[in-house]
């Protein structure tokens, strides 16, 4: 019976990937919070604020910011950084 379970797990992993059932606890290294699957080694990124897994879109933005393709600029609280014609202000 164990042999049949191993065969089913093998095909499941080929077609659907790892189930990520054995994960480490979330930890943060170099401002990145993630868990690691102990079976396949995949990193599953987490939000450090909500401690929930990030969506695929958030992970893509994180990776783009890491390689420098995306520049993350904090939004102004009241729009003070923009002039009336929506041109960025240059600080003197």
PDB file of N, CA and C in Angstrom:
ATOM      1  N   UNK A   1       0.823  -1.196   0.000  1.00  0.00           N
ATOM      2  CA  UNK A   1       0.000   0.000   0.000  1.00  0.00           C
ATOM      3  C   UNK A   1       0.865   1.257   0.000  1.00  0.00           C
ATOM      4  N   UNK A   2       1.986   1.219   0.731  1.00  0.00           N
ATOM      5  CA  UNK A   2       2.886   2.369   0.774  1.00  0.00           C
ATOM      6  C   UNK A   2       3.491   2.630  -0.607  1.00  0.00           C
ATOM      7  N   UNK A   3       3.736   1.563  -1.353  1.00  0.00           N
ATOM      8  CA  UNK A   3       4.289   1.690  -2.703  1.00  0.00           C
ATOM      9  C   UNK A   3       3.330   2.460  -3.610  1.00  0.00           C
ATOM     10  N   UNK A   4       2.047   2.163  -3.513  1.00  0.00           N
ATOM     11  CA  UNK A   4       1.039   2.866  -4.320  1.00  0.00           C
ATOM     12  C   UNK A   4       0.985   4.335  -3.934  1.00  0.00           C
ATOM     13  N   UNK A   5       1.083   4.629  -2.642  1.00  0.00           N
ATOM     14  CA  UNK A   5       1.078   6.023  -2.182  1.00  0.00           C
ATOM     15  C   UNK A   5       2.296   6.777  -2.724  1.00  0.00           C
ATOM     16  N   UNK A   6       3.455   6.122  -2.755  1.00  0.00           N
ATOM     17  CA  UNK A   6       4.656   6.751  -3.296  1.00  0.00           C
ATOM     18  C   UNK A   6       4.508   7.056  -4.784  1.00  0.00           C
ATOM     19  N   UNK A   7       3.907   6.149  -5.525  1.00  0.00           N
ATOM     20  CA  UNK A   7       3.690   6.363  -6.953  1.00  0.00           C
ATOM     21  C   UNK A   7       2.716   7.518  -7.174  1.00  0.00           C
ATOM     22  N   UNK A   8       1.629   7.548  -6.407  1.00  0.00           N
ATOM     23  CA  UNK A   8       0.665   8.644  -6.536  1.00  0.00           C
ATOM     24  C   UNK A   8       1.298   9.987  -6.181  1.00  0.00           C
ATOM     25  N   UNK A   9       2.106  10.018  -5.118  1.00  0.00           N
ATOM     26  CA  UNK A   9       2.801  11.255  -4.740  1.00  0.00           C
ATOM     27  C   UNK A   9       3.763  11.708  -5.825  1.00  0.00           C
ATOM     28  N   UNK A  10       4.455  10.751  -6.449  1.00  0.00           N
ATOM     29  CA  UNK A  10       5.390  11.070  -7.512  1.00  0.00           C
ATOM     30  C   UNK A  10       4.676  11.752  -8.678  1.00  0.00           C
ATOM     31  N   UNK A  11       3.563  11.168  -9.140  1.00  0.00           N
ATOM     32  CA  UNK A  11       2.836  11.761 -10.256  1.00  0.00           C
ATOM     33  C   UNK A  11       2.163  13.078  -9.870  1.00  0.00           C
ATOM     34  N   UNK A  12       1.689  13.168  -8.643  1.00  0.00           N
ATOM     35  CA  UNK A  12       1.107  14.421  -8.170  1.00  0.00           C
ATOM     36  C   UNK A  12       2.139  15.534  -8.233  1.00  0.00           C
ATOM     37  N   UNK A  13       3.356  15.242  -7.799  1.00  0.00           N
ATOM     38  CA  UNK A  13       4.419  16.254  -7.798  1.00  0.00           C
ATOM     39  C   UNK A  13       4.827  16.627  -9.216  1.00  0.00           C
ATOM     40  N   UNK A  14       4.821  15.676 -10.132  1.00  0.00           N
ATOM     41  CA  UNK A  14       5.172  15.979 -11.521  1.00  0.00           C
ATOM     42  C   UNK A  14       4.127  16.894 -12.149  1.00  0.00           C
ATOM     43  N   UNK A  15       2.858  16.593 -11.983  1.00  0.00           N
ATOM     44  CA  UNK A  15       1.810  17.341 -12.658  1.00  0.00           C
ATOM     45  C   UNK A  15       1.368  18.594 -11.906  1.00  0.00           C
ATOM     46  N   UNK A  16       1.343  18.565 -10.598  1.00  0.00           N
ATOM     47  CA  UNK A  16       0.813  19.690  -9.829  1.00  0.00           C
ATOM     48  C   UNK A  16       1.850  20.380  -8.955  1.00  0.00           C
ATOM     49  N   UNK A  17       3.042  19.834  -8.843  1.00  0.00           N
ATOM     50  CA  UNK A  17       4.083  20.458  -8.032  1.00  0.00           C
ATOM     51  C   UNK A  17       4.011  20.020  -6.586  1.00  0.00           C
ATOM     52  N   UNK A  18       4.863  20.606  -5.805  1.00  0.00           N
ATOM     53  CA  UNK A  18       4.937  20.268  -4.380  1.00  0.00           C
ATOM     54  C   UNK A  18       3.694  20.777  -3.653  1.00  0.00           C
ATOM     55  N   UNK A  19       3.259  20.028  -2.658  1.00  0.00           N
ATOM     56  CA  UNK A  19       2.089  20.423  -1.879  1.00  0.00           C
ATOM     57  C   UNK A  19       2.445  21.418  -0.785  1.00  0.00           C
ATOM     58  N   UNK A  20       3.723  21.570  -0.491  1.00  0.00           N
ATOM     59  CA  UNK A  20       4.213  22.478   0.552  1.00  0.00           C
ATOM     60  C   UNK A  20       3.492  22.241   1.878  1.00  0.00           C
ATOM     61  N   UNK A  21       3.494  21.008   2.307  1.00  0.00           N
ATOM     62  CA  UNK A  21       2.832  20.694   3.569  1.00  0.00           C
ATOM     63  C   UNK A  21       3.804  20.778   4.752  1.00  0.00           C
ATOM     64  N   UNK A  22       5.094  20.656   4.487  1.00  0.00           N
ATOM     65  CA  UNK A  22       6.095  20.759   5.560  1.00  0.00           C
ATOM     66  C   UNK A  22       6.875  22.051   5.382  1.00  0.00           C
ATOM     67  N   UNK A  23       6.472  23.084   6.120  1.00  0.00           N
ATOM     68  CA  UNK A  23       7.079  24.408   5.990  1.00  0.00           C
ATOM     69  C   UNK A  23       7.776  24.815   7.277  1.00  0.00           C
ATOM     70  N   UNK A  24       8.807  25.655   7.129  1.00  0.00           N
ATOM     71  CA  UNK A  24       9.435  26.248   8.308  1.00  0.00           C
ATOM     72  C   UNK A  24       8.529  27.349   8.835  1.00  0.00           C
ATOM     73  N   UNK A  25       8.871  27.889   9.967  1.00  0.00           N
ATOM     74  CA  UNK A  25       8.123  29.050  10.458  1.00  0.00           C
ATOM     75  C   UNK A  25       8.574  30.274   9.661  1.00  0.00           C
ATOM     76  N   UNK A  26       7.773  31.348   9.612  1.00  0.00           N
ATOM     77  CA  UNK A  26       8.193  32.543   8.879  1.00  0.00           C
ATOM     78  C   UNK A  26       9.401  33.200   9.560  1.00  0.00           C
ATOM     79  N   UNK A  27      10.349  33.620   8.775  1.00  0.00           N
ATOM     80  CA  UNK A  27      11.485  34.351   9.313  1.00  0.00           C
ATOM     81  C   UNK A  27      11.876  35.439   8.332  1.00  0.00           C
ATOM     82  N   UNK A  28      12.614  36.446   8.816  1.00  0.00           N
ATOM     83  CA  UNK A  28      12.993  37.590   8.012  1.00  0.00           C
ATOM     84  C   UNK A  28      14.503  37.671   7.923  1.00  0.00           C
ATOM     85  N   UNK A  29      15.003  37.740   6.678  1.00  0.00           N
ATOM     86  CA  UNK A  29      16.421  37.934   6.411  1.00  0.00           C
ATOM     87  C   UNK A  29      16.530  38.997   5.335  1.00  0.00           C
ATOM     88  N   UNK A  30      17.319  40.024   5.573  1.00  0.00           N
ATOM     89  CA  UNK A  30      17.540  41.124   4.628  1.00  0.00           C
ATOM     90  C   UNK A  30      16.220  41.721   4.145  1.00  0.00           C
ATOM     91  N   UNK A  31      15.335  42.036   5.076  1.00  0.00           N
ATOM     92  CA  UNK A  31      14.042  42.668   4.806  1.00  0.00           C
ATOM     93  C   UNK A  31      13.115  41.828   3.935  1.00  0.00           C
ATOM     94  N   UNK A  32      13.287  40.515   3.899  1.00  0.00           N
ATOM     95  CA  UNK A  32      12.385  39.618   3.191  1.00  0.00           C
ATOM     96  C   UNK A  32      11.876  38.575   4.175  1.00  0.00           C
ATOM     97  N   UNK A  33      10.558  38.461   4.273  1.00  0.00           N
ATOM     98  CA  UNK A  33       9.939  37.510   5.186  1.00  0.00           C
ATOM     99  C   UNK A  33       9.377  36.363   4.365  1.00  0.00           C
ATOM    100  N   UNK A  34       9.748  35.134   4.720  1.00  0.00           N
ATOM    101  CA  UNK A  34       9.276  33.986   3.962  1.00  0.00           C
ATOM    102  C   UNK A  34       9.372  32.713   4.780  1.00  0.00           C
ATOM    103  N   UNK A  35       8.659  31.688   4.287  1.00  0.00           N
ATOM    104  CA  UNK A  35       8.775  30.329   4.785  1.00  0.00           C
ATOM    105  C   UNK A  35       9.455  29.515   3.697  1.00  0.00           C
ATOM    106  N   UNK A  36      10.040  28.381   4.071  1.00  0.00           N
ATOM    107  CA  UNK A  36      10.705  27.510   3.106  1.00  0.00           C
ATOM    108  C   UNK A  36      10.083  26.121   3.206  1.00  0.00           C
ATOM    109  N   UNK A  37       9.785  25.532   2.044  1.00  0.00           N
ATOM    110  CA  UNK A  37       9.272  24.169   2.006  1.00  0.00           C
ATOM    111  C   UNK A  37      10.436  23.223   2.286  1.00  0.00           C
ATOM    112  N   UNK A  38      10.267  22.332   3.247  1.00  0.00           N
ATOM    113  CA  UNK A  38      11.330  21.402   3.614  1.00  0.00           C
ATOM    114  C   UNK A  38      11.479  20.266   2.609  1.00  0.00           C
ATOM    115  N   UNK A  39      10.503  20.088   1.719  1.00  0.00           N
ATOM    116  CA  UNK A  39      10.584  19.030   0.715  1.00  0.00           C
ATOM    117  C   UNK A  39      11.266  19.498  -0.569  1.00  0.00           C
ATOM    118  N   UNK A  40      10.872  20.679  -1.082  1.00  0.00           N
ATOM    119  CA  UNK A  40      11.409  21.127  -2.372  1.00  0.00           C
ATOM    120  C   UNK A  40      12.299  22.353  -2.270  1.00  0.00           C
ATOM    121  N   UNK A  41      12.289  23.052  -1.146  1.00  0.00           N
ATOM    122  CA  UNK A  41      13.155  24.209  -0.961  1.00  0.00           C
ATOM    123  C   UNK A  41      12.594  25.513  -1.485  1.00  0.00           C
ATOM    124  N   UNK A  42      11.347  25.531  -1.947  1.00  0.00           N
ATOM    125  CA  UNK A  42      10.748  26.748  -2.476  1.00  0.00           C
ATOM    126  C   UNK A  42      10.486  27.746  -1.351  1.00  0.00           C
ATOM    127  N   UNK A  43      10.741  29.030  -1.644  1.00  0.00           N
ATOM    128  CA  UNK A  43      10.456  30.095  -0.686  1.00  0.00           C
ATOM    129  C   UNK A  43       9.041  30.607  -0.924  1.00  0.00           C
ATOM    130  N   UNK A  44       8.267  30.722   0.146  1.00  0.00           N
ATOM    131  CA  UNK A  44       6.919  31.253   0.074  1.00  0.00           C
ATOM    132  C   UNK A  44       6.942  32.559   0.855  1.00  0.00           C
ATOM    133  N   UNK A  45       6.871  33.689   0.127  1.00  0.00           N
ATOM    134  CA  UNK A  45       7.033  35.003   0.736  1.00  0.00           C
ATOM    135  C   UNK A  45       5.790  35.403   1.519  1.00  0.00           C
ATOM    136  N   UNK A  46       6.019  36.078   2.643  1.00  0.00           N
ATOM    137  CA  UNK A  46       4.968  36.518   3.551  1.00  0.00           C
ATOM    138  C   UNK A  46       5.058  38.016   3.757  1.00  0.00           C
ATOM    139  N   UNK A  47       3.926  38.616   4.085  1.00  0.00           N
ATOM    140  CA  UNK A  47       3.902  40.018   4.470  1.00  0.00           C
ATOM    141  C   UNK A  47       4.335  40.106   5.935  1.00  0.00           C
ATOM    142  N   UNK A  48       5.324  40.952   6.257  1.00  0.00           N
ATOM    143  CA  UNK A  48       5.743  41.053   7.649  1.00  0.00           C
ATOM    144  C   UNK A  48       4.700  41.737   8.530  1.00  0.00           C
ATOM    145  N   UNK A  49       3.763  42.434   7.919  1.00  0.00           N
ATOM    146  CA  UNK A  49       2.732  43.140   8.684  1.00  0.00           C
ATOM    147  C   UNK A  49       1.578  42.208   9.034  1.00  0.00           C
ATOM    148  N   UNK A  50       1.031  41.508   8.021  1.00  0.00           N
ATOM    149  CA  UNK A  50      -0.140  40.667   8.243  1.00  0.00           C
ATOM    150  C   UNK A  50       0.208  39.207   8.489  1.00  0.00           C
ATOM    151  N   UNK A  51       1.466  38.806   8.200  1.00  0.00           N
ATOM    152  CA  UNK A  51       1.922  37.412   8.312  1.00  0.00           C
ATOM    153  C   UNK A  51       1.050  36.469   7.497  1.00  0.00           C
ATOM    154  N   UNK A  52       0.620  36.957   6.332  1.00  0.00           N
ATOM    155  CA  UNK A  52      -0.131  36.157   5.368  1.00  0.00           C
ATOM    156  C   UNK A  52       0.735  36.006   4.117  1.00  0.00           C
ATOM    157  N   UNK A  53       0.585  34.911   3.370  1.00  0.00           N
ATOM    158  CA  UNK A  53       1.367  34.746   2.139  1.00  0.00           C
ATOM    159  C   UNK A  53       1.065  35.862   1.138  1.00  0.00           C
ATOM    160  N   UNK A  54       2.093  36.296   0.407  1.00  0.00           N
ATOM    161  CA  UNK A  54       1.919  37.320  -0.613  1.00  0.00           C
ATOM    162  C   UNK A  54       1.300  36.704  -1.859  1.00  0.00           C
ATOM    163  N   UNK A  55       0.535  37.513  -2.581  1.00  0.00           N
ATOM    164  CA  UNK A  55      -0.039  37.044  -3.846  1.00  0.00           C
ATOM    165  C   UNK A  55       1.063  36.985  -4.894  1.00  0.00           C
ATOM    166  N   UNK A  56       0.776  36.354  -6.015  1.00  0.00           N
ATOM    167  CA  UNK A  56       1.757  36.240  -7.098  1.00  0.00           C
ATOM    168  C   UNK A  56       2.145  37.628  -7.607  1.00  0.00           C
ATOM    169  N   UNK A  57       1.208  38.541  -7.658  1.00  0.00           N
ATOM    170  CA  UNK A  57       1.490  39.909  -8.106  1.00  0.00           C
ATOM    171  C   UNK A  57       2.450  40.604  -7.147  1.00  0.00           C
ATOM    172  N   UNK A  58       2.212  40.461  -5.852  1.00  0.00           N
ATOM    173  CA  UNK A  58       3.089  41.085  -4.861  1.00  0.00           C
ATOM    174  C   UNK A  58       4.497  40.491  -4.912  1.00  0.00           C
ATOM    175  N   UNK A  59       4.605  39.197  -5.180  1.00  0.00           N
ATOM    176  CA  UNK A  59       5.924  38.558  -5.286  1.00  0.00           C
ATOM    177  C   UNK A  59       6.660  39.080  -6.512  1.00  0.00           C
ATOM    178  N   UNK A  60       5.959  39.254  -7.642  1.00  0.00           N
ATOM    179  CA  UNK A  60       6.594  39.811  -8.843  1.00  0.00           C
ATOM    180  C   UNK A  60       7.091  41.225  -8.592  1.00  0.00           C
ATOM    181  N   UNK A  61       6.304  42.042  -7.894  1.00  0.00           N
ATOM    182  CA  UNK A  61       6.737  43.407  -7.567  1.00  0.00           C
ATOM    183  C   UNK A  61       7.941  43.390  -6.642  1.00  0.00           C
ATOM    184  N   UNK A  62       7.956  42.480  -5.695  1.00  0.00           N
ATOM    185  CA  UNK A  62       9.082  42.345  -4.775  1.00  0.00           C
ATOM    186  C   UNK A  62      10.357  41.978  -5.533  1.00  0.00           C
ATOM    187  N   UNK A  63      10.255  41.030  -6.461  1.00  0.00           N
ATOM    188  CA  UNK A  63      11.425  40.617  -7.240  1.00  0.00           C
ATOM    189  C   UNK A  63      11.892  41.718  -8.185  1.00  0.00           C
ATOM    190  N   UNK A  64      10.959  42.469  -8.779  1.00  0.00           N
ATOM    191  CA  UNK A  64      11.337  43.576  -9.656  1.00  0.00           C
ATOM    192  C   UNK A  64      12.036  44.678  -8.864  1.00  0.00           C
ATOM    193  N   UNK A  65      11.577  44.939  -7.660  1.00  0.00           N
ATOM    194  CA  UNK A  65      12.228  45.949  -6.819  1.00  0.00           C
ATOM    195  C   UNK A  65      13.614  45.477  -6.403  1.00  0.00           C
ATOM    196  N   UNK A  66      13.772  44.185  -6.199  1.00  0.00           N
ATOM    197  CA  UNK A  66      15.058  43.640  -5.777  1.00  0.00           C
ATOM    198  C   UNK A  66      16.122  43.794  -6.866  1.00  0.00           C
ATOM    199  N   UNK A  67      15.771  43.581  -8.126  1.00  0.00           N
ATOM    200  CA  UNK A  67      16.750  43.669  -9.204  1.00  0.00           C
ATOM    201  C   UNK A  67      16.871  45.075  -9.765  1.00  0.00           C
ATOM    202  N   UNK A  68      16.080  46.005  -9.273  1.00  0.00           N
ATOM    203  CA  UNK A  68      16.204  47.391  -9.682  1.00  0.00           C
ATOM    204  C   UNK A  68      15.328  47.795 -10.845  1.00  0.00           C
ATOM    205  N   UNK A  69      14.445  46.936 -11.308  1.00  0.00           N
ATOM    206  CA  UNK A  69      13.551  47.283 -12.410  1.00  0.00           C
ATOM    207  C   UNK A  69      12.422  48.193 -11.948  1.00  0.00           C
ATOM    208  N   UNK A  70      12.114  48.157 -10.686  1.00  0.00           N
ATOM    209  CA  UNK A  70      11.003  48.918 -10.134  1.00  0.00           C
ATOM    210  C   UNK A  70      11.528  49.764  -9.000  1.00  0.00           C
ATOM    211  N   UNK A  71      11.259  51.043  -9.063  1.00  0.00           N
ATOM    212  CA  UNK A  71      11.685  51.944  -8.000  1.00  0.00           C
ATOM    213  C   UNK A  71      10.485  52.204  -7.105  1.00  0.00           C
ATOM    214  N   UNK A  72      10.596  51.828  -5.851  1.00  0.00           N
ATOM    215  CA  UNK A  72       9.502  51.981  -4.909  1.00  0.00           C
ATOM    216  C   UNK A  72       9.643  53.327  -4.221  1.00  0.00           C
ATOM    217  N   UNK A  73       8.636  54.189  -4.423  1.00  0.00           N
ATOM    218  CA  UNK A  73       8.633  55.515  -3.821  1.00  0.00           C
ATOM    219  C   UNK A  73       7.407  55.606  -2.935  1.00  0.00           C
ATOM    220  N   UNK A  74       7.573  55.954  -1.657  1.00  0.00           N
ATOM    221  CA  UNK A  74       6.404  56.082  -0.791  1.00  0.00           C
ATOM    222  C   UNK A  74       5.493  57.214  -1.266  1.00  0.00           C
ATOM    223  N   UNK A  75       4.213  56.991  -1.215  1.00  0.00           N
ATOM    224  CA  UNK A  75       3.237  57.992  -1.637  1.00  0.00           C
ATOM    225  C   UNK A  75       3.174  59.113  -0.619  1.00  0.00           C
ATOM    226  N   UNK A  76       2.977  60.344  -1.098  1.00  0.00           N
ATOM    227  CA  UNK A  76       2.837  61.490  -0.201  1.00  0.00           C
ATOM    228  C   UNK A  76       1.503  61.386   0.527  1.00  0.00           C
ATOM    229  N   UNK A  77       1.505  61.761   1.772  1.00  0.00           N
ATOM    230  CA  UNK A  77       0.304  61.612   2.595  1.00  0.00           C
ATOM    231  C   UNK A  77      -0.841  62.469   2.087  1.00  0.00           C
ATOM    232  N   UNK A  78      -0.570  63.722   1.694  1.00  0.00           N
ATOM    233  CA  UNK A  78      -1.657  64.591   1.257  1.00  0.00           C
ATOM    234  C   UNK A  78      -1.456  65.096  -0.162  1.00  0.00           C
ATOM    235  N   UNK A  79      -0.555  64.493  -0.913  1.00  0.00           N
ATOM    236  CA  UNK A  79      -0.299  64.948  -2.266  1.00  0.00           C
ATOM    237  C   UNK A  79       0.579  66.184  -2.300  1.00  0.00           C
ATOM    238  N   UNK A  80       1.307  66.472  -1.232  1.00  0.00           N
ATOM    239  CA  UNK A  80       2.128  67.669  -1.145  1.00  0.00           C
ATOM    240  C   UNK A  80       3.306  67.626  -2.107  1.00  0.00           C
ATOM    241  N   UNK A  81       3.658  66.455  -2.590  1.00  0.00           N
ATOM    242  CA  UNK A  81       4.799  66.344  -3.498  1.00  0.00           C
ATOM    243  C   UNK A  81       4.443  66.770  -4.918  1.00  0.00           C
ATOM    244  N   UNK A  82       3.156  66.946  -5.205  1.00  0.00           N
ATOM    245  CA  UNK A  82       2.739  67.336  -6.539  1.00  0.00           C
ATOM    246  C   UNK A  82       2.287  68.786  -6.548  1.00  0.00           C
ATOM    247  N   UNK A  83       2.580  69.488  -7.643  1.00  0.00           N
ATOM    248  CA  UNK A  83       2.102  70.849  -7.795  1.00  0.00           C
ATOM    249  C   UNK A  83       0.691  70.802  -8.347  1.00  0.00           C
ATOM    250  N   UNK A  84       0.115  71.969  -8.595  1.00  0.00           N
ATOM    251  CA  UNK A  84      -1.270  72.014  -9.055  1.00  0.00           C
ATOM    252  C   UNK A  84      -1.432  71.391 -10.446  1.00  0.00           C
ATOM    253  N   UNK A  85      -0.398  71.429 -11.298  1.00  0.00           N
ATOM    254  CA  UNK A  85      -0.514  70.826 -12.618  1.00  0.00           C
ATOM    255  C   UNK A  85       0.056  69.408 -12.653  1.00  0.00           C
ATOM    256  N   UNK A  86       0.194  68.798 -11.482  1.00  0.00           N
ATOM    257  CA  UNK A  86       0.640  67.405 -11.305  1.00  0.00           C
ATOM    258  C   UNK A  86       2.027  67.148 -11.815  1.00  0.00           C
ATOM    259  N   UNK A  87       2.902  68.121 -11.784  1.00  0.00           N
ATOM    260  CA  UNK A  87       4.310  67.945 -12.118  1.00  0.00           C
ATOM    261  C   UNK A  87       5.067  67.763 -10.810  1.00  0.00           C
ATOM    262  N   UNK A  88       6.042  66.857 -10.763  1.00  0.00           N
ATOM    263  CA  UNK A  88       6.781  66.680  -9.515  1.00  0.00           C
ATOM    264  C   UNK A  88       7.572  67.922  -9.151  1.00  0.00           C
ATOM    265  N   UNK A  89       7.585  68.222  -7.876  1.00  0.00           N
ATOM    266  CA  UNK A  89       8.330  69.355  -7.352  1.00  0.00           C
ATOM    267  C   UNK A  89       9.790  69.003  -7.208  1.00  0.00           C
ATOM    268  N   UNK A  90      10.647  69.900  -7.541  1.00  0.00           N
ATOM    269  CA  UNK A  90      12.087  69.667  -7.357  1.00  0.00           C
ATOM    270  C   UNK A  90      12.505  70.376  -6.096  1.00  0.00           C
ATOM    271  N   UNK A  91      13.077  69.594  -5.195  1.00  0.00           N
ATOM    272  CA  UNK A  91      13.512  70.175  -3.917  1.00  0.00           C
ATOM    273  C   UNK A  91      14.800  70.959  -4.140  1.00  0.00           C
ATOM    274  N   UNK A  92      14.869  72.133  -3.543  1.00  0.00           N
ATOM    275  CA  UNK A  92      16.063  72.981  -3.708  1.00  0.00           C
ATOM    276  C   UNK A  92      17.098  72.700  -2.653  1.00  0.00           C
TER     277      UNK A  92
END
